[in-house]
mmCIF file of all heavy atoms, coordinates in Angstrom:
data_MODEL
# 
_entry.id   MODEL 
# 
loop_
_atom_site.group_PDB 
_atom_site.id 
_atom_site.type_symbol 
_atom_site.label_atom_id 
_atom_site.label_alt_id 
_atom_site.label_comp_id 
_atom_site.label_asym_id 
_atom_site.label_entity_id 
_atom_site.label_seq_id 
_atom_site.pdbx_PDB_ins_code 
_atom_site.Cartn_x 
_atom_site.Cartn_y 
_atom_site.Cartn_z 
_atom_site.occupancy 
_atom_site.B_iso_or_equiv 
_atom_site.pdbx_formal_charge 
_atom_site.auth_seq_id 
_atom_site.auth_comp_id 
_atom_site.auth_asym_id 
_atom_site.auth_atom_id 
_atom_site.pdbx_PDB_model_num 
ATOM 1   N N   . VAL A 1 1  ? 6.203   7.457   -4.369 1.00 0.00 ? 1  VAL A N   1 
ATOM 2   C CA  . VAL A 1 1  ? 5.062   6.655   -4.812 1.00 0.00 ? 1  VAL A CA  1 
ATOM 3   C C   . VAL A 1 1  ? 4.143   6.294   -3.657 1.00 0.00 ? 1  VAL A C   1 
ATOM 4   O O   . VAL A 1 1  ? 4.581   5.793   -2.620 1.00 0.00 ? 1  VAL A O   1 
ATOM 5   C CB  . VAL A 1 1  ? 5.530   5.352   -5.506 1.00 0.00 ? 1  VAL A CB  1 
ATOM 6   C CG1 . VAL A 1 1  ? 4.322   4.584   -6.051 1.00 0.00 ? 1  VAL A CG1 1 
ATOM 7   C CG2 . VAL A 1 1  ? 6.498   5.651   -6.626 1.00 0.00 ? 1  VAL A CG2 1 
ATOM 8   N N   . CYS A 1 2  ? 2.860   6.541   -3.879 1.00 0.00 ? 2  CYS A N   1 
ATOM 9   C CA  . CYS A 1 2  ? 1.833   6.069   -2.968 1.00 0.00 ? 2  CYS A CA  1 
ATOM 10  C C   . CYS A 1 2  ? 1.168   4.855   -3.602 1.00 0.00 ? 2  CYS A C   1 
ATOM 11  O O   . CYS A 1 2  ? 0.782   4.905   -4.773 1.00 0.00 ? 2  CYS A O   1 
ATOM 12  C CB  . CYS A 1 2  ? 0.793   7.163   -2.714 1.00 0.00 ? 2  CYS A CB  1 
ATOM 13  S SG  . CYS A 1 2  ? -0.565  6.640   -1.640 1.00 0.00 ? 2  CYS A SG  1 
ATOM 14  N N   . ALA A 1 3  ? 1.064   3.774   -2.855 1.00 0.00 ? 3  ALA A N   1 
ATOM 15  C CA  . ALA A 1 3  ? 0.347   2.588   -3.342 1.00 0.00 ? 3  ALA A CA  1 
ATOM 16  C C   . ALA A 1 3  ? -1.123  2.758   -3.018 1.00 0.00 ? 3  ALA A C   1 
ATOM 17  O O   . ALA A 1 3  ? -1.500  2.894   -1.855 1.00 0.00 ? 3  ALA A O   1 
ATOM 18  C CB  . ALA A 1 3  ? 0.899   1.328   -2.680 1.00 0.00 ? 3  ALA A CB  1 
ATOM 19  N N   . GLY A 1 4  ? -1.954  2.790   -4.043 1.00 0.00 ? 4  GLY A N   1 
ATOM 20  C CA  . GLY A 1 4  ? -3.382  3.015   -3.854 1.00 0.00 ? 4  GLY A CA  1 
ATOM 21  C C   . GLY A 1 4  ? -4.194  1.738   -3.917 1.00 0.00 ? 4  GLY A C   1 
ATOM 22  O O   . GLY A 1 4  ? -3.733  0.700   -4.413 1.00 0.00 ? 4  GLY A O   1 
ATOM 23  N N   . GLY A 1 5  ? -5.412  1.803   -3.394 1.00 0.00 ? 5  GLY A N   1 
ATOM 24  C CA  . GLY A 1 5  ? -6.302  0.646   -3.407 1.00 0.00 ? 5  GLY A CA  1 
ATOM 25  C C   . GLY A 1 5  ? -5.938  -0.393  -2.378 1.00 0.00 ? 5  GLY A C   1 
ATOM 26  O O   . GLY A 1 5  ? -6.320  -1.561  -2.497 1.00 0.00 ? 5  GLY A O   1 
ATOM 27  N N   . ILE A 1 6  ? -5.204  0.002   -1.337 1.00 0.00 ? 6  ILE A N   1 
ATOM 28  C CA  . ILE A 1 6  ? -4.742  -0.939  -0.312 1.00 0.00 ? 6  ILE A CA  1 
ATOM 29  C C   . ILE A 1 6  ? -5.822  -1.114  0.764  1.00 0.00 ? 6  ILE A C   1 
ATOM 30  O O   . ILE A 1 6  ? -6.226  -0.139  1.407  1.00 0.00 ? 6  ILE A O   1 
ATOM 31  C CB  . ILE A 1 6  ? -3.434  -0.441  0.338  1.00 0.00 ? 6  ILE A CB  1 
ATOM 32  C CG1 . ILE A 1 6  ? -2.362  -0.178  -0.721 1.00 0.00 ? 6  ILE A CG1 1 
ATOM 33  C CG2 . ILE A 1 6  ? -2.953  -1.431  1.385  1.00 0.00 ? 6  ILE A CG2 1 
ATOM 34  C CD1 . ILE A 1 6  ? -1.952  -1.393  -1.516 1.00 0.00 ? 6  ILE A CD1 1 
ATOM 35  N N   . ILE A 1 7  ? -6.269  -2.349  0.942  1.00 0.00 ? 7  ILE A N   1 
ATOM 36  C CA  . ILE A 1 7  ? -7.309  -2.602  1.952  1.00 0.00 ? 7  ILE A CA  1 
ATOM 37  C C   . ILE A 1 7  ? -6.943  -3.727  2.920  1.00 0.00 ? 7  ILE A C   1 
ATOM 38  O O   . ILE A 1 7  ? -7.632  -3.936  3.908  1.00 0.00 ? 7  ILE A O   1 
ATOM 39  C CB  . ILE A 1 7  ? -8.676  -2.906  1.301  1.00 0.00 ? 7  ILE A CB  1 
ATOM 40  C CG1 . ILE A 1 7  ? -8.581  -4.100  0.359  1.00 0.00 ? 7  ILE A CG1 1 
ATOM 41  C CG2 . ILE A 1 7  ? -9.222  -1.688  0.583  1.00 0.00 ? 7  ILE A CG2 1 
ATOM 42  C CD1 . ILE A 1 7  ? -9.917  -4.523  -0.216 1.00 0.00 ? 7  ILE A CD1 1 
ATOM 43  N N   . THR A 1 8  ? -5.844  -4.443  2.650  1.00 0.00 ? 8  THR A N   1 
ATOM 44  C CA  . THR A 1 8  ? -5.436  -5.518  3.563  1.00 0.00 ? 8  THR A CA  1 
ATOM 45  C C   . THR A 1 8  ? -3.995  -5.307  4.007  1.00 0.00 ? 8  THR A C   1 
ATOM 46  O O   . THR A 1 8  ? -3.206  -4.634  3.330  1.00 0.00 ? 8  THR A O   1 
ATOM 47  C CB  . THR A 1 8  ? -5.532  -6.907  2.896  1.00 0.00 ? 8  THR A CB  1 
ATOM 48  O OG1 . THR A 1 8  ? -4.514  -7.016  1.883  1.00 0.00 ? 8  THR A OG1 1 
ATOM 49  C CG2 . THR A 1 8  ? -6.908  -7.121  2.269  1.00 0.00 ? 8  THR A CG2 1 
ATOM 50  N N   . SER A 1 9  ? -3.631  -5.913  5.131  1.00 0.00 ? 9  SER A N   1 
ATOM 51  C CA  . SER A 1 9  ? -2.257  -5.794  5.636  1.00 0.00 ? 9  SER A CA  1 
ATOM 52  C C   . SER A 1 9  ? -1.271  -6.479  4.692  1.00 0.00 ? 9  SER A C   1 
ATOM 53  O O   . SER A 1 9  ? -0.130  -6.025  4.540  1.00 0.00 ? 9  SER A O   1 
ATOM 54  C CB  . SER A 1 9  ? -2.158  -6.396  7.036  1.00 0.00 ? 9  SER A CB  1 
ATOM 55  O OG  . SER A 1 9  ? -2.606  -7.739  7.047  1.00 0.00 ? 9  SER A OG  1 
ATOM 56  N N   . MET A 1 10 ? -1.690  -7.548  4.024  1.00 0.00 ? 10 MET A N   1 
ATOM 57  C CA  . MET A 1 10 ? -0.810  -8.221  3.060  1.00 0.00 ? 10 MET A CA  1 
ATOM 58  C C   . MET A 1 10 ? -0.489  -7.300  1.888  1.00 0.00 ? 10 MET A C   1 
ATOM 59  O O   . MET A 1 10 ? 0.659   -7.239  1.434  1.00 0.00 ? 10 MET A O   1 
ATOM 60  C CB  . MET A 1 10 ? -1.469  -9.511  2.542  1.00 0.00 ? 10 MET A CB  1 
ATOM 61  C CG  . MET A 1 10 ? -1.461  -10.647 3.543  1.00 0.00 ? 10 MET A CG  1 
ATOM 62  S SD  . MET A 1 10 ? -2.214  -12.159 2.881  1.00 0.00 ? 10 MET A SD  1 
ATOM 63  C CE  . MET A 1 10 ? -1.069  -12.561 1.578  1.00 0.00 ? 10 MET A CE  1 
ATOM 64  N N   . GLN A 1 11 ? -1.504  -6.580  1.398  1.00 0.00 ? 11 GLN A N   1 
ATOM 65  C CA  . GLN A 1 11 ? -1.273  -5.621  0.312  1.00 0.00 ? 11 GLN A CA  1 
ATOM 66  C C   . GLN A 1 11 ? -0.339  -4.506  0.767  1.00 0.00 ? 11 GLN A C   1 
ATOM 67  O O   . GLN A 1 11 ? 0.552   -4.087  0.028  1.00 0.00 ? 11 GLN A O   1 
ATOM 68  C CB  . GLN A 1 11 ? -2.599  -5.013  -0.151 1.00 0.00 ? 11 GLN A CB  1 
ATOM 69  C CG  . GLN A 1 11 ? -3.478  -5.943  -0.958 1.00 0.00 ? 11 GLN A CG  1 
ATOM 70  C CD  . GLN A 1 11 ? -4.799  -5.266  -1.311 1.00 0.00 ? 11 GLN A CD  1 
ATOM 71  O OE1 . GLN A 1 11 ? -5.428  -4.620  -0.472 1.00 0.00 ? 11 GLN A OE1 1 
ATOM 72  N NE2 . GLN A 1 11 ? -5.223  -5.412  -2.556 1.00 0.00 ? 11 GLN A NE2 1 
ATOM 73  N N   . ALA A 1 12 ? -0.558  -4.033  1.984  1.00 0.00 ? 12 ALA A N   1 
ATOM 74  C CA  . ALA A 1 12 ? 0.283   -2.953  2.521  1.00 0.00 ? 12 ALA A CA  1 
ATOM 75  C C   . ALA A 1 12 ? 1.735   -3.406  2.609  1.00 0.00 ? 12 ALA A C   1 
ATOM 76  O O   . ALA A 1 12 ? 2.649   -2.676  2.199  1.00 0.00 ? 12 ALA A O   1 
ATOM 77  C CB  . ALA A 1 12 ? -0.229  -2.525  3.890  1.00 0.00 ? 12 ALA A CB  1 
ATOM 78  N N   . ASP A 1 13 ? 1.973   -4.612  3.127  1.00 0.00 ? 13 ASP A N   1 
ATOM 79  C CA  . ASP A 1 13 ? 3.334   -5.134  3.243  1.00 0.00 ? 13 ASP A CA  1 
ATOM 80  C C   . ASP A 1 13 ? 3.987   -5.276  1.870  1.00 0.00 ? 13 ASP A C   1 
ATOM 81  O O   . ASP A 1 13 ? 5.155   -4.905  1.686  1.00 0.00 ? 13 ASP A O   1 
ATOM 82  C CB  . ASP A 1 13 ? 3.323   -6.498  3.947  1.00 0.00 ? 13 ASP A CB  1 
ATOM 83  C CG  . ASP A 1 13 ? 3.065   -6.385  5.445  1.00 0.00 ? 13 ASP A CG  1 
ATOM 84  O OD1 . ASP A 1 13 ? 3.252   -5.281  5.997  1.00 0.00 ? 13 ASP A OD1 1 
ATOM 85  O OD2 . ASP A 1 13 ? 2.654   -7.394  6.047  1.00 0.00 ? 13 ASP A OD2 1 
ATOM 86  N N   . ALA A 1 14 ? 3.237   -5.805  0.913  1.00 0.00 ? 14 ALA A N   1 
ATOM 87  C CA  . ALA A 1 14 ? 3.778   -5.990  -0.440 1.00 0.00 ? 14 ALA A CA  1 
ATOM 88  C C   . ALA A 1 14 ? 4.132   -4.646  -1.067 1.00 0.00 ? 14 ALA A C   1 
ATOM 89  O O   . ALA A 1 14 ? 5.167   -4.506  -1.726 1.00 0.00 ? 14 ALA A O   1 
ATOM 90  C CB  . ALA A 1 14 ? 2.768   -6.738  -1.311 1.00 0.00 ? 14 ALA A CB  1 
ATOM 91  N N   . ALA A 1 15 ? 3.278   -3.652  -0.855 1.00 0.00 ? 15 ALA A N   1 
ATOM 92  C CA  . ALA A 1 15 ? 3.507   -2.322  -1.421 1.00 0.00 ? 15 ALA A CA  1 
ATOM 93  C C   . ALA A 1 15 ? 4.745   -1.677  -0.801 1.00 0.00 ? 15 ALA A C   1 
ATOM 94  O O   . ALA A 1 15 ? 5.600   -1.129  -1.511 1.00 0.00 ? 15 ALA A O   1 
ATOM 95  C CB  . ALA A 1 15 ? 2.289   -1.436  -1.198 1.00 0.00 ? 15 ALA A CB  1 
ATOM 96  N N   . LEU A 1 16 ? 4.856   -1.759  0.512  1.00 0.00 ? 16 LEU A N   1 
ATOM 97  C CA  . LEU A 1 16 ? 5.994   -1.141  1.198  1.00 0.00 ? 16 LEU A CA  1 
ATOM 98  C C   . LEU A 1 16 ? 7.293   -1.858  0.858  1.00 0.00 ? 16 LEU A C   1 
ATOM 99  O O   . LEU A 1 16 ? 8.334   -1.223  0.687  1.00 0.00 ? 16 LEU A O   1 
ATOM 100 C CB  . LEU A 1 16 ? 5.751   -1.135  2.704  1.00 0.00 ? 16 LEU A CB  1 
ATOM 101 C CG  . LEU A 1 16 ? 4.545   -0.293  3.167  1.00 0.00 ? 16 LEU A CG  1 
ATOM 102 C CD1 . LEU A 1 16 ? 4.312   -0.464  4.661  1.00 0.00 ? 16 LEU A CD1 1 
ATOM 103 C CD2 . LEU A 1 16 ? 4.736   1.172   2.817  1.00 0.00 ? 16 LEU A CD2 1 
ATOM 104 N N   . ASN A 1 17 ? 7.233   -3.178  0.721  1.00 0.00 ? 17 ASN A N   1 
ATOM 105 C CA  . ASN A 1 17 ? 8.418   -3.947  0.326  1.00 0.00 ? 17 ASN A CA  1 
ATOM 106 C C   . ASN A 1 17 ? 8.845   -3.636  -1.100 1.00 0.00 ? 17 ASN A C   1 
ATOM 107 O O   . ASN A 1 17 ? 10.001  -3.847  -1.464 1.00 0.00 ? 17 ASN A O   1 
ATOM 108 C CB  . ASN A 1 17 ? 8.165   -5.454  0.476  1.00 0.00 ? 17 ASN A CB  1 
ATOM 109 C CG  . ASN A 1 17 ? 8.082   -5.890  1.932  1.00 0.00 ? 17 ASN A CG  1 
ATOM 110 O OD1 . ASN A 1 17 ? 8.626   -5.229  2.807  1.00 0.00 ? 17 ASN A OD1 1 
ATOM 111 N ND2 . ASN A 1 17 ? 7.397   -6.995  2.184  1.00 0.00 ? 17 ASN A ND2 1 
ATOM 112 N N   . SER A 1 18 ? 7.900   -3.142  -1.897 1.00 0.00 ? 18 SER A N   1 
ATOM 113 C CA  . SER A 1 18 ? 8.191   -2.799  -3.291 1.00 0.00 ? 18 SER A CA  1 
ATOM 114 C C   . SER A 1 18 ? 8.742   -1.378  -3.424 1.00 0.00 ? 18 SER A C   1 
ATOM 115 O O   . SER A 1 18 ? 9.142   -0.976  -4.511 1.00 0.00 ? 18 SER A O   1 
ATOM 116 C CB  . SER A 1 18 ? 6.929   -2.935  -4.146 1.00 0.00 ? 18 SER A CB  1 
ATOM 117 O OG  . SER A 1 18 ? 6.461   -4.263  -4.148 1.00 0.00 ? 18 SER A OG  1 
ATOM 118 N N   . GLY A 1 19 ? 8.717   -0.621  -2.327 1.00 0.00 ? 19 GLY A N   1 
ATOM 119 C CA  . GLY A 1 19 ? 9.282   0.726   -2.375 1.00 0.00 ? 19 GLY A CA  1 
ATOM 120 C C   . GLY A 1 19 ? 8.289   1.858   -2.202 1.00 0.00 ? 19 GLY A C   1 
ATOM 121 O O   . GLY A 1 19 ? 8.673   3.029   -2.276 1.00 0.00 ? 19 GLY A O   1 
ATOM 122 N N   . ALA A 1 20 ? 7.013   1.540   -1.990 1.00 0.00 ? 20 ALA A N   1 
ATOM 123 C CA  . ALA A 1 20 ? 6.019   2.597   -1.767 1.00 0.00 ? 20 ALA A CA  1 
ATOM 124 C C   . ALA A 1 20 ? 6.360   3.372   -0.499 1.00 0.00 ? 20 ALA A C   1 
ATOM 125 O O   . ALA A 1 20 ? 6.782   2.789   0.501  1.00 0.00 ? 20 ALA A O   1 
ATOM 126 C CB  . ALA A 1 20 ? 4.621   2.002   -1.657 1.00 0.00 ? 20 ALA A CB  1 
ATOM 127 N N   . GLN A 1 21 ? 6.184   4.686   -0.549 1.00 0.00 ? 21 GLN A N   1 
ATOM 128 C CA  . GLN A 1 21 ? 6.507   5.531   0.607  1.00 0.00 ? 21 GLN A CA  1 
ATOM 129 C C   . GLN A 1 21 ? 5.250   6.024   1.324  1.00 0.00 ? 21 GLN A C   1 
ATOM 130 O O   . GLN A 1 21 ? 5.338   6.616   2.394  1.00 0.00 ? 21 GLN A O   1 
ATOM 131 C CB  . GLN A 1 21 ? 7.352   6.711   0.139  1.00 0.00 ? 21 GLN A CB  1 
ATOM 132 C CG  . GLN A 1 21 ? 8.746   6.267   -0.298 1.00 0.00 ? 21 GLN A CG  1 
ATOM 133 C CD  . GLN A 1 21 ? 9.310   7.119   -1.414 1.00 0.00 ? 21 GLN A CD  1 
ATOM 134 O OE1 . GLN A 1 21 ? 8.618   7.479   -2.357 1.00 0.00 ? 21 GLN A OE1 1 
ATOM 135 N NE2 . GLN A 1 21 ? 10.575  7.450   -1.311 1.00 0.00 ? 21 GLN A NE2 1 
ATOM 136 N N   . LEU A 1 22 ? 4.102   5.772   0.703  1.00 0.00 ? 22 LEU A N   1 
ATOM 137 C CA  . LEU A 1 22 ? 2.812   6.081   1.309  1.00 0.00 ? 22 LEU A CA  1 
ATOM 138 C C   . LEU A 1 22 ? 1.851   4.974   0.903  1.00 0.00 ? 22 LEU A C   1 
ATOM 139 O O   . LEU A 1 22 ? 2.074   4.265   -0.088 1.00 0.00 ? 22 LEU A O   1 
ATOM 140 C CB  . LEU A 1 22 ? 2.227   7.416   0.816  1.00 0.00 ? 22 LEU A CB  1 
ATOM 141 C CG  . LEU A 1 22 ? 3.036   8.698   0.835  1.00 0.00 ? 22 LEU A CG  1 
ATOM 142 C CD1 . LEU A 1 22 ? 3.887   8.845   -0.410 1.00 0.00 ? 22 LEU A CD1 1 
ATOM 143 C CD2 . LEU A 1 22 ? 2.083   9.899   0.902  1.00 0.00 ? 22 LEU A CD2 1 
ATOM 144 N N   . ILE A 1 23 ? 0.752   4.852   1.650  1.00 0.00 ? 23 ILE A N   1 
ATOM 145 C CA  . ILE A 1 23 ? -0.313  3.943   1.238  1.00 0.00 ? 23 ILE A CA  1 
ATOM 146 C C   . ILE A 1 23 ? -1.638  4.699   1.281  1.00 0.00 ? 23 ILE A C   1 
ATOM 147 O O   . ILE A 1 23 ? -1.835  5.609   2.090  1.00 0.00 ? 23 ILE A O   1 
ATOM 148 C CB  . ILE A 1 23 ? -0.386  2.673   2.125  1.00 0.00 ? 23 ILE A CB  1 
ATOM 149 C CG1 . ILE A 1 23 ? -0.486  3.025   3.619  1.00 0.00 ? 23 ILE A CG1 1 
ATOM 150 C CG2 . ILE A 1 23 ? 0.796   1.759   1.860  1.00 0.00 ? 23 ILE A CG2 1 
ATOM 151 C CD1 . ILE A 1 23 ? -0.692  1.821   4.525  1.00 0.00 ? 23 ILE A CD1 1 
ATOM 152 N N   . ALA A 1 24 ? -2.522  4.317   0.385  1.00 0.00 ? 24 ALA A N   1 
ATOM 153 C CA  . ALA A 1 24 ? -3.842  4.943   0.319  1.00 0.00 ? 24 ALA A CA  1 
ATOM 154 C C   . ALA A 1 24 ? -4.893  3.862   0.167  1.00 0.00 ? 24 ALA A C   1 
ATOM 155 O O   . ALA A 1 24 ? -4.659  2.825   -0.454 1.00 0.00 ? 24 ALA A O   1 
ATOM 156 C CB  . ALA A 1 24 ? -3.931  5.922   -0.845 1.00 0.00 ? 24 ALA A CB  1 
ATOM 157 N N   . SER A 1 25 ? -6.052  4.109   0.754  1.00 0.00 ? 25 SER A N   1 
ATOM 158 C CA  . SER A 1 25 ? -7.143  3.145   0.705  1.00 0.00 ? 25 SER A CA  1 
ATOM 159 C C   . SER A 1 25 ? -8.421  3.857   0.283  1.00 0.00 ? 25 SER A C   1 
ATOM 160 O O   . SER A 1 25 ? -8.609  5.041   0.603  1.00 0.00 ? 25 SER A O   1 
ATOM 161 C CB  . SER A 1 25 ? -7.331  2.500   2.077  1.00 0.00 ? 25 SER A CB  1 
ATOM 162 O OG  . SER A 1 25 ? -8.421  1.597   2.066  1.00 0.00 ? 25 SER A OG  1 
ATOM 163 N N   . PRO A 1 26 ? -9.313  3.163   -0.417 1.00 0.00 ? 26 PRO A N   1 
ATOM 164 C CA  . PRO A 1 26 ? -10.603 3.781   -0.759 1.00 0.00 ? 26 PRO A CA  1 
ATOM 165 C C   . PRO A 1 26 ? -11.527 3.887   0.443  1.00 0.00 ? 26 PRO A C   1 
ATOM 166 O O   . PRO A 1 26 ? -12.572 4.521   0.372  1.00 0.00 ? 26 PRO A O   1 
ATOM 167 C CB  . PRO A 1 26 ? -11.169 2.836   -1.820 1.00 0.00 ? 26 PRO A CB  1 
ATOM 168 C CG  . PRO A 1 26 ? -10.554 1.508   -1.501 1.00 0.00 ? 26 PRO A CG  1 
ATOM 169 C CD  . PRO A 1 26 ? -9.167  1.823   -0.999 1.00 0.00 ? 26 PRO A CD  1 
ATOM 170 N N   . ILE A 1 27 ? -11.115 3.265   1.559  1.00 0.00 ? 27 ILE A N   1 
ATOM 171 C CA  . ILE A 1 27 ? -11.956 3.260   2.759  1.00 0.00 ? 27 ILE A CA  1 
ATOM 172 C C   . ILE A 1 27 ? -11.139 3.697   3.975  1.00 0.00 ? 27 ILE A C   1 
ATOM 173 O O   . ILE A 1 27 ? -9.908  3.799   3.910  1.00 0.00 ? 27 ILE A O   1 
ATOM 174 C CB  . ILE A 1 27 ? -12.563 1.859   3.034  1.00 0.00 ? 27 ILE A CB  1 
ATOM 175 C CG1 . ILE A 1 27 ? -11.444 0.810   3.137  1.00 0.00 ? 27 ILE A CG1 1 
ATOM 176 C CG2 . ILE A 1 27 ? -13.565 1.496   1.939  1.00 0.00 ? 27 ILE A CG2 1 
ATOM 177 C CD1 . ILE A 1 27 ? -11.926 -0.582  3.479  1.00 0.00 ? 27 ILE A CD1 1 
# 
């Protein structure tokens, strides 16, 4: 799972703690 729409470090941490293995941002 890639967590999409990530633009802040708090979102990134929450996504990774939830099990995301990648992160994606619109920017």
